[in-house]
Every structure is written in structure tokens, then in C-alpha cells.
Amino acid sequence: MRKFIINPISGCLLGALVFVGIILITLIFLRGGVWLGEKVLPFFMWLARITFGVVIAILLPMAAFHKTRRIAASGLIHAGSIFGITLWAFGLVLTYNLWGGIAVLVGIFLLGVGVVPMAMLATLFAKMWNPFGQLIILAVFTFITRSFGKKLAFKLHMEEQKIHDMEIL
């Protein structure tokens, strides 16, 4: 029985072909992701505006009352997620349109969230102050709403734990 052996030159060519194939597939998915991001970004921006209104008008006042804090905490965490996905999609589209696919790939390799700092740098260097400000505001909203929601949920958990411990005694 004859063994199938790849000689060194064929192995290098096969490796190069596989590498090029992986790069092309990655670029196809990248371009598809940017295309999808461009299509859903207006919806995400609209949803972020509505969410901001809900946070200000409903969730923050609910956080002031003990009986509604759990709902407020959950809503704030979810609101932070909406701001975050909007921020990420906006960062993806801006980075791709200003600096191209390589910058997006570098951003994605930075734990997936690197497209946002890349977009901030790209808009800063391009002196695009309005999109830069929008990125900053979305980042702040994402951080503040999620942090406050988690802090509120933790506080409720600690209160429940204290009550539970008192019941055991």
C-alpha cells in the first residue's frame, strides 16, 4: 500500500492557499457584518433614543422606591445593553468606513470591543466631532446605566440576604 505524502513545496502551497482562503472568508464575513451594521444602525439609534427616554422618565424614578427597585435594576442593565450594542454597531460602521477592514479586524481581535476605540480614534483624527461626541455619549450611557443597574441589583441582593440571615437566627 502506498502512503500519500505531501512534499515540502506542495505543503507550502497548500498552506498558503488555506491561509488566503481564511483571509477571504474573514473579509467576506467582515463586509457582510458591516453591511448588516449599516442596515440596522438606524434602528439601533432610534432604539437608543427611546431607551434614554425610558431610563430618564421611568427607570430612574422607579429606582427611588423600594418596591420597584428590582424592575428598575433589571431595566437599567438591559438599557445598558441596548446602548452597548448601538455603540458597537456604530463603532464598526465608522471604523470600516474611515479606516477600512484591517482596522476593523484589529479592533475585533482586541476582545471584540476594540472597534469602538478604533472608531473614536478614526473620528478624532478625521476631526469628525459630532460622531466622536456620539460615541463618547453612548459609551458613558452604556457604562453608567449598566453600573447603576448592577449596583442596585447587588444592593437588593444584600438586603434580601440580611433579611434571610435574620430569619435563620
N, C-alpha and C. Protein backbone atom coordinates (compact mmCIF):
# COMPACT_ATOMS: atom_id res chain seq x y z
N MET A 1 0.83 -1.16 0.00
CA MET A 1 0.00 0.00 0.00
C MET A 1 0.89 1.24 0.00
N ARG A 2 0.54 2.16 -0.84
CA ARG A 2 1.34 3.37 -0.97
C ARG A 2 0.79 4.47 -0.08
N LYS A 3 1.68 5.16 0.66
CA LYS A 3 1.28 6.26 1.53
C LYS A 3 1.23 7.54 0.72
N PHE A 4 0.26 8.38 1.09
CA PHE A 4 0.14 9.67 0.45
C PHE A 4 0.98 10.66 1.23
N ILE A 5 2.04 11.15 0.63
CA ILE A 5 2.96 12.08 1.28
C ILE A 5 2.98 13.37 0.48
N ILE A 6 2.87 14.46 1.20
CA ILE A 6 2.94 15.78 0.57
C ILE A 6 4.38 16.26 0.65
N ASN A 7 4.93 16.61 -0.51
CA ASN A 7 6.30 17.11 -0.49
C ASN A 7 6.31 18.53 0.05
N PRO A 8 7.45 19.03 0.48
CA PRO A 8 7.53 20.35 1.13
C PRO A 8 6.97 21.50 0.29
N ILE A 9 7.20 21.49 -1.00
CA ILE A 9 6.71 22.58 -1.85
C ILE A 9 5.19 22.54 -1.92
N SER A 10 4.64 21.36 -2.12
CA SER A 10 3.18 21.22 -2.17
C SER A 10 2.57 21.61 -0.82
N GLY A 11 3.24 21.26 0.27
CA GLY A 11 2.75 21.61 1.60
C GLY A 11 2.72 23.11 1.80
N CYS A 12 3.76 23.80 1.34
CA CYS A 12 3.79 25.26 1.46
C CYS A 12 2.71 25.91 0.61
N LEU A 13 2.54 25.39 -0.60
CA LEU A 13 1.49 25.94 -1.47
C LEU A 13 0.09 25.69 -0.88
N LEU A 14 -0.12 24.51 -0.34
CA LEU A 14 -1.39 24.19 0.29
C LEU A 14 -1.63 25.08 1.51
N GLY A 15 -0.59 25.29 2.31
CA GLY A 15 -0.71 26.17 3.48
C GLY A 15 -1.03 27.59 3.07
N ALA A 16 -0.36 28.09 2.03
CA ALA A 16 -0.62 29.44 1.54
C ALA A 16 -2.04 29.56 1.01
N LEU A 17 -2.51 28.53 0.31
CA LEU A 17 -3.87 28.53 -0.23
C LEU A 17 -4.90 28.54 0.90
N VAL A 18 -4.67 27.75 1.93
CA VAL A 18 -5.57 27.73 3.08
C VAL A 18 -5.57 29.08 3.77
N PHE A 19 -4.39 29.67 3.94
CA PHE A 19 -4.28 30.98 4.59
C PHE A 19 -5.04 32.04 3.79
N VAL A 20 -4.86 32.08 2.48
CA VAL A 20 -5.57 33.03 1.62
C VAL A 20 -7.07 32.79 1.72
N GLY A 21 -7.47 31.52 1.74
CA GLY A 21 -8.89 31.19 1.87
C GLY A 21 -9.48 31.70 3.18
N ILE A 22 -8.75 31.52 4.25
CA ILE A 22 -9.22 32.01 5.55
C ILE A 22 -9.35 33.53 5.54
N ILE A 23 -8.38 34.20 4.97
CA ILE A 23 -8.42 35.67 4.87
C ILE A 23 -9.63 36.11 4.04
N LEU A 24 -9.86 35.46 2.91
CA LEU A 24 -11.00 35.82 2.05
C LEU A 24 -12.33 35.58 2.75
N ILE A 25 -12.46 34.45 3.42
CA ILE A 25 -13.70 34.16 4.15
C ILE A 25 -13.91 35.19 5.26
N THR A 26 -12.83 35.54 5.96
CA THR A 26 -12.92 36.55 7.02
C THR A 26 -13.37 37.89 6.44
N LEU A 27 -12.82 38.29 5.30
CA LEU A 27 -13.20 39.55 4.68
C LEU A 27 -14.64 39.53 4.19
N ILE A 28 -15.09 38.38 3.69
CA ILE A 28 -16.49 38.26 3.27
C ILE A 28 -17.42 38.42 4.46
N PHE A 29 -17.09 37.75 5.58
CA PHE A 29 -17.90 37.89 6.78
C PHE A 29 -17.82 39.32 7.33
N LEU A 30 -16.65 39.91 7.26
CA LEU A 30 -16.47 41.28 7.73
C LEU A 30 -17.33 42.23 6.92
N ARG A 31 -17.25 42.13 5.62
CA ARG A 31 -18.05 43.01 4.75
C ARG A 31 -19.53 42.77 4.98
N GLY A 32 -19.92 41.51 5.17
CA GLY A 32 -21.32 41.20 5.46
C GLY A 32 -21.76 41.79 6.80
N GLY A 33 -20.86 41.72 7.79
CA GLY A 33 -21.17 42.30 9.09
C GLY A 33 -21.32 43.81 9.02
N VAL A 34 -20.47 44.45 8.24
CA VAL A 34 -20.56 45.90 8.08
C VAL A 34 -21.84 46.25 7.32
N TRP A 35 -22.16 45.48 6.30
CA TRP A 35 -23.40 45.71 5.55
C TRP A 35 -24.61 45.60 6.49
N LEU A 36 -24.62 44.55 7.31
CA LEU A 36 -25.71 44.38 8.27
C LEU A 36 -25.72 45.52 9.28
N GLY A 37 -24.53 45.90 9.77
CA GLY A 37 -24.44 47.01 10.71
C GLY A 37 -25.00 48.30 10.13
N GLU A 38 -24.71 48.57 8.86
CA GLU A 38 -25.24 49.77 8.22
C GLU A 38 -26.76 49.73 8.10
N LYS A 39 -27.30 48.53 7.90
CA LYS A 39 -28.76 48.39 7.77
C LYS A 39 -29.48 48.53 9.10
N VAL A 40 -28.91 47.99 10.18
CA VAL A 40 -29.60 48.00 11.48
C VAL A 40 -29.23 49.21 12.34
N LEU A 41 -28.19 49.93 11.99
CA LEU A 41 -27.75 51.06 12.81
C LEU A 41 -28.83 52.12 12.99
N PRO A 42 -29.57 52.51 11.95
CA PRO A 42 -30.64 53.49 12.19
C PRO A 42 -31.68 53.00 13.20
N PHE A 43 -32.02 51.72 13.16
CA PHE A 43 -32.95 51.15 14.13
C PHE A 43 -32.34 51.19 15.53
N PHE A 44 -31.07 50.81 15.66
CA PHE A 44 -30.41 50.85 16.96
C PHE A 44 -30.34 52.27 17.52
N MET A 45 -30.06 53.24 16.67
CA MET A 45 -30.01 54.63 17.13
C MET A 45 -31.38 55.08 17.62
N TRP A 46 -32.42 54.74 16.88
CA TRP A 46 -33.78 55.06 17.30
C TRP A 46 -34.10 54.38 18.63
N LEU A 47 -33.74 53.11 18.75
CA LEU A 47 -33.99 52.36 19.97
C LEU A 47 -33.21 52.95 21.16
N ALA A 48 -32.00 53.41 20.92
CA ALA A 48 -31.19 54.02 21.98
C ALA A 48 -31.83 55.33 22.45
N ARG A 49 -32.39 56.11 21.53
CA ARG A 49 -33.07 57.35 21.93
C ARG A 49 -34.30 57.05 22.78
N ILE A 50 -35.10 56.07 22.36
CA ILE A 50 -36.28 55.67 23.13
C ILE A 50 -35.85 55.15 24.50
N THR A 51 -34.80 54.34 24.52
CA THR A 51 -34.30 53.78 25.77
C THR A 51 -33.84 54.87 26.72
N PHE A 52 -33.18 55.89 26.18
CA PHE A 52 -32.75 57.00 27.02
C PHE A 52 -33.96 57.67 27.67
N GLY A 53 -35.00 57.89 26.90
CA GLY A 53 -36.22 58.47 27.45
C GLY A 53 -36.84 57.60 28.53
N VAL A 54 -36.85 56.30 28.32
CA VAL A 54 -37.39 55.37 29.32
C VAL A 54 -36.54 55.39 30.58
N VAL A 55 -35.23 55.44 30.43
CA VAL A 55 -34.34 55.49 31.59
C VAL A 55 -34.62 56.74 32.42
N ILE A 56 -34.69 57.89 31.76
CA ILE A 56 -34.89 59.15 32.47
C ILE A 56 -36.29 59.26 33.07
N ALA A 57 -37.30 58.94 32.28
CA ALA A 57 -38.68 59.18 32.70
C ALA A 57 -39.27 58.07 33.58
N ILE A 58 -38.77 56.84 33.42
CA ILE A 58 -39.41 55.73 34.12
C ILE A 58 -38.45 55.01 35.08
N LEU A 59 -37.31 54.54 34.59
CA LEU A 59 -36.46 53.67 35.40
C LEU A 59 -35.78 54.40 36.56
N LEU A 60 -35.28 55.60 36.33
CA LEU A 60 -34.63 56.32 37.44
C LEU A 60 -35.63 56.68 38.56
N PRO A 61 -36.83 57.17 38.22
CA PRO A 61 -37.80 57.38 39.31
C PRO A 61 -38.19 56.07 40.01
N MET A 62 -38.28 54.98 39.28
CA MET A 62 -38.61 53.69 39.90
C MET A 62 -37.52 53.23 40.86
N ALA A 63 -36.29 53.62 40.60
CA ALA A 63 -35.18 53.22 41.48
C ALA A 63 -35.27 53.88 42.84
N ALA A 64 -36.03 54.95 42.94
CA ALA A 64 -36.15 55.66 44.21
C ALA A 64 -37.07 54.93 45.20
N PHE A 65 -37.93 54.06 44.69
CA PHE A 65 -38.90 53.37 45.55
C PHE A 65 -38.49 51.91 45.73
N HIS A 66 -38.53 51.46 46.97
CA HIS A 66 -38.07 50.11 47.30
C HIS A 66 -38.84 49.02 46.54
N LYS A 67 -40.14 49.18 46.40
CA LYS A 67 -40.96 48.15 45.77
C LYS A 67 -40.68 47.99 44.27
N THR A 68 -40.17 49.01 43.64
CA THR A 68 -39.94 48.95 42.20
C THR A 68 -38.46 48.91 41.83
N ARG A 69 -37.59 48.79 42.82
CA ARG A 69 -36.15 48.81 42.53
C ARG A 69 -35.69 47.62 41.70
N ARG A 70 -36.27 46.45 41.93
CA ARG A 70 -35.85 45.26 41.17
C ARG A 70 -36.13 45.46 39.68
N ILE A 71 -37.30 46.00 39.36
CA ILE A 71 -37.64 46.25 37.97
C ILE A 71 -36.71 47.32 37.39
N ALA A 72 -36.45 48.35 38.18
CA ALA A 72 -35.55 49.42 37.73
C ALA A 72 -34.14 48.88 37.47
N ALA A 73 -33.65 48.04 38.38
CA ALA A 73 -32.31 47.47 38.21
C ALA A 73 -32.23 46.64 36.93
N SER A 74 -33.21 45.79 36.73
CA SER A 74 -33.22 44.96 35.52
C SER A 74 -33.33 45.83 34.27
N GLY A 75 -34.21 46.81 34.32
CA GLY A 75 -34.36 47.71 33.17
C GLY A 75 -33.10 48.49 32.86
N LEU A 76 -32.40 48.94 33.90
CA LEU A 76 -31.16 49.69 33.67
C LEU A 76 -30.07 48.80 33.06
N ILE A 77 -29.99 47.57 33.52
CA ILE A 77 -29.00 46.65 32.94
C ILE A 77 -29.32 46.40 31.47
N HIS A 78 -30.60 46.18 31.17
CA HIS A 78 -30.99 45.97 29.77
C HIS A 78 -30.77 47.23 28.93
N ALA A 79 -31.04 48.39 29.51
CA ALA A 79 -30.81 49.65 28.80
C ALA A 79 -29.33 49.80 28.46
N GLY A 80 -28.47 49.43 29.41
CA GLY A 80 -27.03 49.48 29.14
C GLY A 80 -26.64 48.57 27.99
N SER A 81 -27.30 47.43 27.90
CA SER A 81 -27.03 46.52 26.78
C SER A 81 -27.47 47.11 25.45
N ILE A 82 -28.60 47.79 25.45
CA ILE A 82 -29.07 48.44 24.22
C ILE A 82 -28.10 49.55 23.80
N PHE A 83 -27.67 50.36 24.77
CA PHE A 83 -26.67 51.38 24.45
C PHE A 83 -25.38 50.75 23.95
N GLY A 84 -24.99 49.63 24.56
CA GLY A 84 -23.74 48.96 24.18
C GLY A 84 -23.78 48.39 22.78
N ILE A 85 -24.88 47.74 22.40
CA ILE A 85 -24.95 47.17 21.05
C ILE A 85 -25.02 48.29 20.01
N THR A 86 -25.67 49.37 20.35
CA THR A 86 -25.71 50.53 19.45
C THR A 86 -24.31 51.11 19.29
N LEU A 87 -23.61 51.25 20.40
CA LEU A 87 -22.24 51.75 20.37
C LEU A 87 -21.35 50.86 19.53
N TRP A 88 -21.47 49.55 19.70
CA TRP A 88 -20.61 48.63 18.95
C TRP A 88 -20.90 48.70 17.46
N ALA A 89 -22.19 48.69 17.08
CA ALA A 89 -22.55 48.75 15.66
C ALA A 89 -22.08 50.07 15.05
N PHE A 90 -22.25 51.16 15.78
CA PHE A 90 -21.80 52.48 15.30
C PHE A 90 -20.29 52.49 15.14
N GLY A 91 -19.59 51.93 16.11
CA GLY A 91 -18.13 51.84 16.03
C GLY A 91 -17.66 51.00 14.86
N LEU A 92 -18.34 49.88 14.62
CA LEU A 92 -18.00 49.01 13.50
C LEU A 92 -18.14 49.74 12.17
N VAL A 93 -19.27 50.38 11.97
CA VAL A 93 -19.53 51.07 10.70
C VAL A 93 -18.56 52.24 10.51
N LEU A 94 -18.35 53.03 11.55
CA LEU A 94 -17.42 54.16 11.44
C LEU A 94 -15.99 53.70 11.16
N THR A 95 -15.54 52.70 11.91
CA THR A 95 -14.18 52.22 11.72
C THR A 95 -13.98 51.71 10.29
N TYR A 96 -14.93 50.93 9.80
CA TYR A 96 -14.80 50.38 8.45
C TYR A 96 -14.80 51.49 7.41
N ASN A 97 -15.71 52.43 7.55
CA ASN A 97 -15.82 53.50 6.54
C ASN A 97 -14.66 54.49 6.58
N LEU A 98 -14.06 54.69 7.76
CA LEU A 98 -12.96 55.65 7.85
C LEU A 98 -11.58 55.02 7.66
N TRP A 99 -11.37 53.85 8.24
CA TRP A 99 -10.05 53.25 8.21
C TRP A 99 -9.98 51.90 7.51
N GLY A 100 -11.10 51.32 7.15
CA GLY A 100 -11.10 50.09 6.36
C GLY A 100 -11.15 48.81 7.19
N GLY A 101 -11.12 47.72 6.45
CA GLY A 101 -11.28 46.39 7.04
C GLY A 101 -10.16 45.96 7.97
N ILE A 102 -8.94 46.38 7.69
CA ILE A 102 -7.82 45.98 8.54
C ILE A 102 -8.00 46.55 9.94
N ALA A 103 -8.43 47.81 10.04
CA ALA A 103 -8.66 48.42 11.35
C ALA A 103 -9.78 47.71 12.09
N VAL A 104 -10.82 47.29 11.36
CA VAL A 104 -11.91 46.54 11.99
C VAL A 104 -11.39 45.21 12.50
N LEU A 105 -10.60 44.51 11.70
CA LEU A 105 -10.03 43.24 12.15
C LEU A 105 -9.17 43.41 13.39
N VAL A 106 -8.36 44.45 13.40
CA VAL A 106 -7.53 44.72 14.58
C VAL A 106 -8.45 44.99 15.78
N GLY A 107 -9.49 45.78 15.56
CA GLY A 107 -10.43 46.07 16.63
C GLY A 107 -11.15 44.83 17.14
N ILE A 108 -11.54 43.96 16.24
CA ILE A 108 -12.24 42.73 16.64
C ILE A 108 -11.29 41.82 17.40
N PHE A 109 -10.03 41.78 17.01
CA PHE A 109 -9.06 40.94 17.72
C PHE A 109 -8.75 41.49 19.11
N LEU A 110 -9.10 42.74 19.38
CA LEU A 110 -8.94 43.32 20.71
C LEU A 110 -10.20 43.02 21.52
N LEU A 111 -10.45 41.74 21.75
CA LEU A 111 -11.58 41.24 22.53
C LEU A 111 -12.93 41.64 21.95
N GLY A 112 -13.00 41.95 20.68
CA GLY A 112 -14.26 42.26 20.03
C GLY A 112 -14.75 43.68 20.23
N VAL A 113 -14.33 44.32 21.31
CA VAL A 113 -14.82 45.67 21.59
C VAL A 113 -13.88 46.75 21.05
N GLY A 114 -12.80 46.35 20.47
CA GLY A 114 -11.80 47.31 20.00
C GLY A 114 -12.26 48.17 18.85
N VAL A 115 -13.38 47.80 18.21
CA VAL A 115 -13.87 48.65 17.12
C VAL A 115 -14.34 50.00 17.65
N VAL A 116 -14.77 50.05 18.90
CA VAL A 116 -15.22 51.33 19.48
C VAL A 116 -14.04 52.28 19.68
N PRO A 117 -12.95 51.86 20.36
CA PRO A 117 -11.80 52.77 20.45
C PRO A 117 -11.22 53.12 19.08
N MET A 118 -11.24 52.16 18.16
CA MET A 118 -10.76 52.44 16.80
C MET A 118 -11.62 53.51 16.15
N ALA A 119 -12.93 53.41 16.32
CA ALA A 119 -13.83 54.42 15.76
C ALA A 119 -13.60 55.78 16.41
N MET A 120 -13.34 55.77 17.72
CA MET A 120 -13.06 57.03 18.41
C MET A 120 -11.79 57.68 17.86
N LEU A 121 -10.76 56.87 17.68
CA LEU A 121 -9.52 57.39 17.11
C LEU A 121 -9.73 57.87 15.67
N ALA A 122 -10.46 57.08 14.88
CA ALA A 122 -10.68 57.44 13.48
C ALA A 122 -11.45 58.76 13.37
N THR A 123 -12.50 58.93 14.18
CA THR A 123 -13.26 60.17 14.12
C THR A 123 -12.47 61.35 14.69
N LEU A 124 -11.65 61.07 15.69
CA LEU A 124 -10.80 62.12 16.26
C LEU A 124 -9.79 62.62 15.24
N PHE A 125 -9.10 61.69 14.56
CA PHE A 125 -8.11 62.09 13.57
C PHE A 125 -8.74 62.73 12.34
N ALA A 126 -9.99 62.32 12.02
CA ALA A 126 -10.69 62.91 10.88
C ALA A 126 -11.40 64.22 11.26
N LYS A 127 -11.29 64.60 12.53
CA LYS A 127 -11.93 65.81 13.05
C LYS A 127 -13.45 65.77 12.82
N MET A 128 -14.02 64.60 13.02
CA MET A 128 -15.47 64.42 12.92
C MET A 128 -16.03 64.49 14.33
N TRP A 129 -16.26 65.71 14.80
CA TRP A 129 -16.58 65.93 16.21
C TRP A 129 -17.95 65.38 16.60
N ASN A 130 -18.94 65.48 15.71
CA ASN A 130 -20.27 65.01 16.05
C ASN A 130 -20.29 63.49 16.27
N PRO A 131 -19.78 62.68 15.34
CA PRO A 131 -19.75 61.24 15.61
C PRO A 131 -18.86 60.87 16.81
N PHE A 132 -17.76 61.61 16.98
CA PHE A 132 -16.90 61.37 18.13
C PHE A 132 -17.66 61.60 19.43
N GLY A 133 -18.40 62.70 19.49
CA GLY A 133 -19.20 63.00 20.66
C GLY A 133 -20.29 61.97 20.90
N GLN A 134 -20.91 61.49 19.82
CA GLN A 134 -21.94 60.46 19.94
C GLN A 134 -21.35 59.17 20.50
N LEU A 135 -20.16 58.81 20.05
CA LEU A 135 -19.51 57.61 20.57
C LEU A 135 -19.21 57.76 22.06
N ILE A 136 -18.71 58.92 22.45
CA ILE A 136 -18.41 59.17 23.87
C ILE A 136 -19.69 59.10 24.70
N ILE A 137 -20.74 59.76 24.24
CA ILE A 137 -22.00 59.77 24.98
C ILE A 137 -22.57 58.36 25.10
N LEU A 138 -22.56 57.60 24.02
CA LEU A 138 -23.06 56.22 24.08
C LEU A 138 -22.22 55.36 25.03
N ALA A 139 -20.91 55.57 25.02
CA ALA A 139 -20.04 54.81 25.93
C ALA A 139 -20.35 55.16 27.38
N VAL A 140 -20.55 56.44 27.65
CA VAL A 140 -20.88 56.87 29.01
C VAL A 140 -22.23 56.30 29.44
N PHE A 141 -23.24 56.40 28.56
CA PHE A 141 -24.56 55.84 28.88
C PHE A 141 -24.47 54.34 29.14
N THR A 142 -23.70 53.65 28.32
CA THR A 142 -23.56 52.20 28.49
C THR A 142 -22.98 51.89 29.86
N PHE A 143 -21.90 52.56 30.19
CA PHE A 143 -21.22 52.29 31.46
C PHE A 143 -22.09 52.68 32.65
N ILE A 144 -22.66 53.87 32.62
CA ILE A 144 -23.42 54.36 33.78
C ILE A 144 -24.68 53.53 34.02
N THR A 145 -25.45 53.28 32.98
CA THR A 145 -26.70 52.54 33.20
C THR A 145 -26.44 51.12 33.66
N ARG A 146 -25.48 50.45 33.06
CA ARG A 146 -25.17 49.07 33.50
C ARG A 146 -24.61 49.05 34.91
N SER A 147 -23.71 49.98 35.21
CA SER A 147 -23.12 50.01 36.55
C SER A 147 -24.16 50.32 37.62
N PHE A 148 -25.01 51.30 37.36
CA PHE A 148 -26.04 51.65 38.33
C PHE A 148 -27.05 50.51 38.50
N GLY A 149 -27.42 49.88 37.39
CA GLY A 149 -28.34 48.74 37.47
C GLY A 149 -27.76 47.58 38.26
N LYS A 150 -26.49 47.28 38.02
CA LYS A 150 -25.83 46.20 38.77
C LYS A 150 -25.66 46.56 40.24
N LYS A 151 -25.34 47.82 40.52
CA LYS A 151 -25.19 48.26 41.91
C LYS A 151 -26.53 48.16 42.63
N LEU A 152 -27.58 48.55 41.98
CA LEU A 152 -28.92 48.47 42.56
C LEU A 152 -29.32 47.01 42.80
N ALA A 153 -29.04 46.15 41.84
CA ALA A 153 -29.35 44.72 42.00
C ALA A 153 -28.54 44.11 43.14
N PHE A 154 -27.27 44.48 43.24
CA PHE A 154 -26.43 43.97 44.32
C PHE A 154 -26.95 44.44 45.68
N LYS A 155 -27.34 45.70 45.75
CA LYS A 155 -27.88 46.24 47.00
C LYS A 155 -29.14 45.49 47.41
N LEU A 156 -30.02 45.21 46.46
CA LEU A 156 -31.23 44.43 46.75
C LEU A 156 -30.88 43.03 47.23
N HIS A 157 -29.91 42.43 46.58
CA HIS A 157 -29.48 41.08 46.97
C HIS A 157 -28.94 41.08 48.39
N MET A 158 -28.14 42.07 48.72
CA MET A 158 -27.58 42.15 50.08
C MET A 158 -28.68 42.37 51.12
N GLU A 159 -29.67 43.19 50.79
CA GLU A 159 -30.79 43.40 51.71
C GLU A 159 -31.56 42.10 51.93
N GLU A 160 -31.80 41.37 50.84
CA GLU A 160 -32.51 40.09 50.96
C GLU A 160 -31.69 39.09 51.76
N GLN A 161 -30.39 39.08 51.56
CA GLN A 161 -29.51 38.18 52.30
C GLN A 161 -29.54 38.51 53.78
N LYS A 162 -29.54 39.79 54.11
CA LYS A 162 -29.58 40.22 55.51
C LYS A 162 -30.90 39.78 56.15
N ILE A 163 -32.01 39.95 55.43
CA ILE A 163 -33.31 39.52 55.95
C ILE A 163 -33.34 38.01 56.13
N HIS A 164 -32.79 37.29 55.16
CA HIS A 164 -32.73 35.83 55.24
C HIS A 164 -31.88 35.38 56.43
N ASP A 165 -30.75 36.03 56.64
CA ASP A 165 -29.89 35.68 57.78
C ASP A 165 -30.56 35.95 59.10
N MET A 166 -31.34 37.02 59.16
CA MET A 166 -32.06 37.36 60.39
C MET A 166 -33.16 36.34 60.67
N GLU A 167 -33.78 35.81 59.61
CA GLU A 167 -34.83 34.81 59.78
C GLU A 167 -34.26 33.50 60.33
N ILE A 168 -33.04 33.18 59.94
CA ILE A 168 -32.42 31.94 60.39
C ILE A 168 -32.10 32.02 61.87
N LEU A 169 -31.69 33.19 62.35
CA LEU A 169 -31.33 33.34 63.75
C LEU A 169 -32.58 33.27 64.54
